Amino acid sequence: MVGLLYALPTTQLTRRLLAEGRLFSGGEQTQSGDQCTAGLNFETKRPRRDVLSDYRTVLEAIYEPAAYFGRVRRLGRMLKRERAHRMIRGDLRSFVRLLFRIHRAGPGAGGQFWRMLLDCAVHNPKALPYVVMVSALYLHLGPFARQVVGEIDREISDVDSGRWQAPPVERPVEAELLAV
């Protein structure tokens, strides 16, 4: 996964941002640890819109089906397995579920999955169980990335329209600065 930088409590980054007066106040910080949509809990030196736009571009690029399954295809060719994986009933059931669900994971996912699977079957069949496992991750990652892109689009729209206002920043008192 790719996430936005989030200054976690009690880290050197948090102490530095606090000393620079760039850390948003504690009330504005998320406790969920969701760095995909709740990152940037500080004033950025680059314009916030540029950071969000770059993040959006990265998310779209790496979770586009051809790019994702292209990486899985390369993984399948590089894996060196001495012996084949023994299939168990649960593996077969999971594989069949993947076959039914991959086509609903987003436009182009099904075709890219089959292309990758055929490539692995031809070039490195012992790696098939492993590429199938990594492919199954796309059932979550692909749709989740599109959801995050939608949320980032809304935040960019808020920045563009002036609706986004930076939360208040924590201003450390002199004694807190000395402790850092």
Protein backbone atom coordinates (compact mmCIF):
# COMPACT_ATOMS: atom_id res chain seq x y z
CA MET A 1 0.00 0.00 0.00
CA VAL A 2 0.93 3.60 -0.48
CA GLY A 3 -0.04 6.21 2.07
CA LEU A 4 0.28 9.88 2.86
CA LEU A 5 2.84 10.84 5.46
CA TYR A 6 1.31 11.02 8.92
CA ALA A 7 3.26 12.31 11.90
CA LEU A 8 2.73 9.66 14.56
CA PRO A 9 2.78 10.67 18.23
CA THR A 10 6.10 10.44 20.11
CA THR A 11 8.22 10.27 16.95
CA GLN A 12 11.10 12.52 15.95
CA LEU A 13 9.01 13.79 13.03
CA THR A 14 6.22 14.85 15.38
CA ARG A 15 8.69 16.61 17.67
CA ARG A 16 10.29 18.43 14.73
CA LEU A 17 6.94 19.52 13.23
CA LEU A 18 5.79 20.65 16.66
CA ALA A 19 8.95 22.70 17.13
CA GLU A 20 8.45 24.24 13.67
CA GLY A 21 4.81 25.03 14.48
CA ARG A 22 3.54 22.90 11.57
CA LEU A 23 1.75 20.05 13.40
CA PHE A 24 -2.03 20.29 13.42
CA SER A 25 -3.58 20.29 16.88
CA GLY A 26 -4.31 16.94 18.55
CA GLY A 27 -8.04 17.27 18.09
CA GLU A 28 -7.59 17.14 14.32
CA GLN A 29 -5.43 14.01 14.32
CA THR A 30 -6.93 10.66 13.55
CA GLN A 31 -6.46 7.77 15.93
CA SER A 32 -7.22 5.19 13.22
CA GLY A 33 -3.77 5.18 11.67
CA ASP A 34 -5.37 5.47 8.22
CA GLN A 35 -2.56 6.99 6.20
CA CYS A 36 -4.38 6.46 2.92
CA THR A 37 -6.94 9.19 3.47
CA ALA A 38 -6.12 10.80 6.81
CA GLY A 39 -2.45 11.57 6.31
CA LEU A 40 -0.88 15.00 6.20
CA ASN A 41 -1.68 15.97 9.76
CA PHE A 42 0.76 18.85 9.39
CA GLU A 43 1.37 21.89 7.20
CA THR A 44 3.31 20.72 4.15
CA LYS A 45 6.10 22.76 2.62
CA ARG A 46 4.82 21.96 -0.88
CA PRO A 47 1.27 23.08 -1.67
CA ARG A 48 -1.18 20.56 -0.21
CA ARG A 49 -2.96 20.26 -3.55
CA ASP A 50 0.29 19.22 -5.28
CA VAL A 51 1.02 16.56 -2.66
CA LEU A 52 -2.52 15.17 -2.94
CA SER A 53 -2.42 15.25 -6.74
CA ASP A 54 0.90 13.37 -6.82
CA TYR A 55 -0.45 10.80 -4.36
CA ARG A 56 -3.53 10.32 -6.53
CA THR A 57 -1.33 9.80 -9.61
CA VAL A 58 0.76 7.17 -7.82
CA LEU A 59 -2.33 5.29 -6.57
CA GLU A 60 -3.90 5.21 -10.03
CA ALA A 61 -0.67 4.08 -11.65
CA ILE A 62 0.23 1.22 -9.33
CA TYR A 63 -3.27 -0.22 -8.93
CA GLU A 64 -4.23 0.01 -12.60
CA PRO A 65 -4.86 -3.66 -13.51
CA ALA A 66 -2.19 -3.89 -16.23
CA ALA A 67 0.44 -2.47 -13.88
CA TYR A 68 -0.58 -4.60 -10.88
CA PHE A 69 -0.84 -7.88 -12.75
CA GLY A 70 2.29 -7.01 -14.73
CA ARG A 71 4.17 -6.94 -11.41
CA VAL A 72 2.55 -10.23 -10.40
CA ARG A 73 3.55 -11.73 -13.78
CA ARG A 74 7.18 -10.67 -13.22
CA LEU A 75 7.04 -12.14 -9.72
CA GLY A 76 5.77 -15.42 -11.17
CA ARG A 77 8.69 -15.57 -13.59
CA MET A 78 11.27 -14.75 -10.90
CA LEU A 79 10.12 -17.17 -8.17
CA LYS A 80 12.37 -20.20 -7.86
CA ARG A 81 10.40 -23.12 -6.45
CA GLU A 82 12.08 -26.52 -6.12
CA ARG A 83 8.84 -28.39 -5.81
CA ALA A 84 5.23 -27.70 -6.55
CA HIS A 85 2.82 -26.51 -3.85
CA ARG A 86 0.47 -29.24 -2.64
CA MET A 87 -3.11 -28.20 -3.26
CA ILE A 88 -5.54 -28.69 -0.44
CA ARG A 89 -9.31 -28.43 -0.56
CA GLY A 90 -9.30 -24.89 0.92
CA ASP A 91 -6.85 -23.73 -1.76
CA LEU A 92 -9.11 -25.00 -4.53
CA ARG A 93 -12.19 -23.40 -2.96
CA SER A 94 -10.35 -20.05 -2.61
CA PHE A 95 -9.13 -20.26 -6.20
CA VAL A 96 -12.64 -20.86 -7.52
CA ARG A 97 -13.94 -17.91 -5.47
CA LEU A 98 -11.15 -15.75 -6.92
CA LEU A 99 -12.13 -16.79 -10.46
CA PHE A 100 -15.70 -15.62 -9.87
CA ARG A 101 -14.77 -12.39 -8.09
CA ILE A 102 -11.81 -11.10 -10.12
CA HIS A 103 -14.03 -9.87 -12.96
CA ARG A 104 -15.94 -7.64 -10.51
CA ALA A 105 -12.75 -6.13 -9.03
CA GLY A 106 -12.72 -3.38 -11.64
CA PRO A 107 -12.50 -2.74 -15.36
CA GLY A 108 -9.76 -4.77 -17.00
CA ALA A 109 -8.87 -6.81 -13.91
CA GLY A 110 -10.22 -10.10 -15.23
CA GLY A 111 -8.39 -9.95 -18.55
CA GLN A 112 -5.11 -8.95 -16.91
CA PHE A 113 -5.49 -11.73 -14.34
CA TRP A 114 -5.99 -14.40 -17.03
CA ARG A 115 -3.07 -13.05 -19.06
CA MET A 116 -0.82 -13.22 -15.99
CA LEU A 117 -2.08 -16.70 -15.02
CA LEU A 118 -1.42 -18.10 -18.50
CA ASP A 119 2.06 -16.54 -18.55
CA CYS A 120 2.89 -18.15 -15.20
CA ALA A 121 1.47 -21.54 -16.28
CA VAL A 122 3.72 -21.48 -19.35
CA HIS A 123 6.92 -20.04 -17.83
CA ASN A 124 6.91 -21.15 -14.18
CA PRO A 125 3.99 -23.43 -13.23
CA LYS A 126 5.41 -24.12 -9.76
CA ALA A 127 4.83 -20.46 -8.92
CA LEU A 128 1.10 -20.60 -9.74
CA PRO A 129 -0.16 -20.91 -6.12
CA TYR A 130 1.91 -17.91 -5.11
CA VAL A 131 0.81 -15.62 -7.94
CA VAL A 132 -2.79 -16.64 -7.25
CA MET A 133 -2.36 -15.57 -3.61
CA VAL A 134 -0.91 -12.20 -4.63
CA SER A 135 -3.65 -11.81 -7.25
CA ALA A 136 -6.30 -12.37 -4.59
CA LEU A 137 -5.00 -9.26 -2.80
CA TYR A 138 -6.20 -7.21 -5.77
CA LEU A 139 -9.79 -8.02 -4.80
CA HIS A 140 -9.27 -5.62 -1.91
CA LEU A 141 -6.47 -3.35 -3.14
CA GLY A 142 -7.95 -2.42 -6.54
CA PRO A 143 -11.37 -1.28 -5.28
CA PHE A 144 -9.83 0.28 -2.16
CA ALA A 145 -7.40 2.32 -4.26
CA ARG A 146 -10.30 3.60 -6.38
CA GLN A 147 -12.18 4.55 -3.19
CA VAL A 148 -9.12 6.42 -1.87
CA VAL A 149 -8.72 8.21 -5.23
CA GLY A 150 -12.34 9.35 -4.91
CA GLU A 151 -11.71 10.69 -1.42
CA ILE A 152 -8.51 12.43 -2.55
CA ASP A 153 -10.44 13.96 -5.48
CA ARG A 154 -12.94 15.40 -2.99
CA GLU A 155 -10.14 16.81 -0.85
CA ILE A 156 -8.46 18.34 -3.93
CA SER A 157 -11.81 19.85 -4.87
CA ASP A 158 -12.11 21.30 -1.37
CA VAL A 159 -8.61 22.80 -1.65
CA ASP A 160 -9.40 24.25 -5.10
CA SER A 161 -12.69 25.78 -3.99
CA GLY A 162 -11.27 27.17 -0.75
CA ARG A 163 -13.51 24.94 1.40
CA TRP A 164 -10.47 23.23 2.97
CA GLN A 165 -9.10 25.18 5.85
CA ALA A 166 -5.94 24.13 7.64
CA PRO A 167 -6.71 23.11 11.21
CA PRO A 168 -5.02 25.07 13.96
CA VAL A 169 -1.42 24.08 14.56
CA GLU A 170 -0.01 23.21 17.95
CA ARG A 171 2.14 25.98 19.29
CA PRO A 172 4.54 24.53 21.83
CA VAL A 173 5.29 26.49 24.94
CA GLU A 174 8.93 27.29 25.71
CA ALA A 175 9.22 24.47 28.30
CA GLU A 176 7.99 21.89 25.79
CA LEU A 177 10.61 23.02 23.28
CA LEU A 178 13.34 22.57 25.86
CA ALA A 179 12.14 19.02 26.56
CA VAL A 180 12.36 18.13 22.87
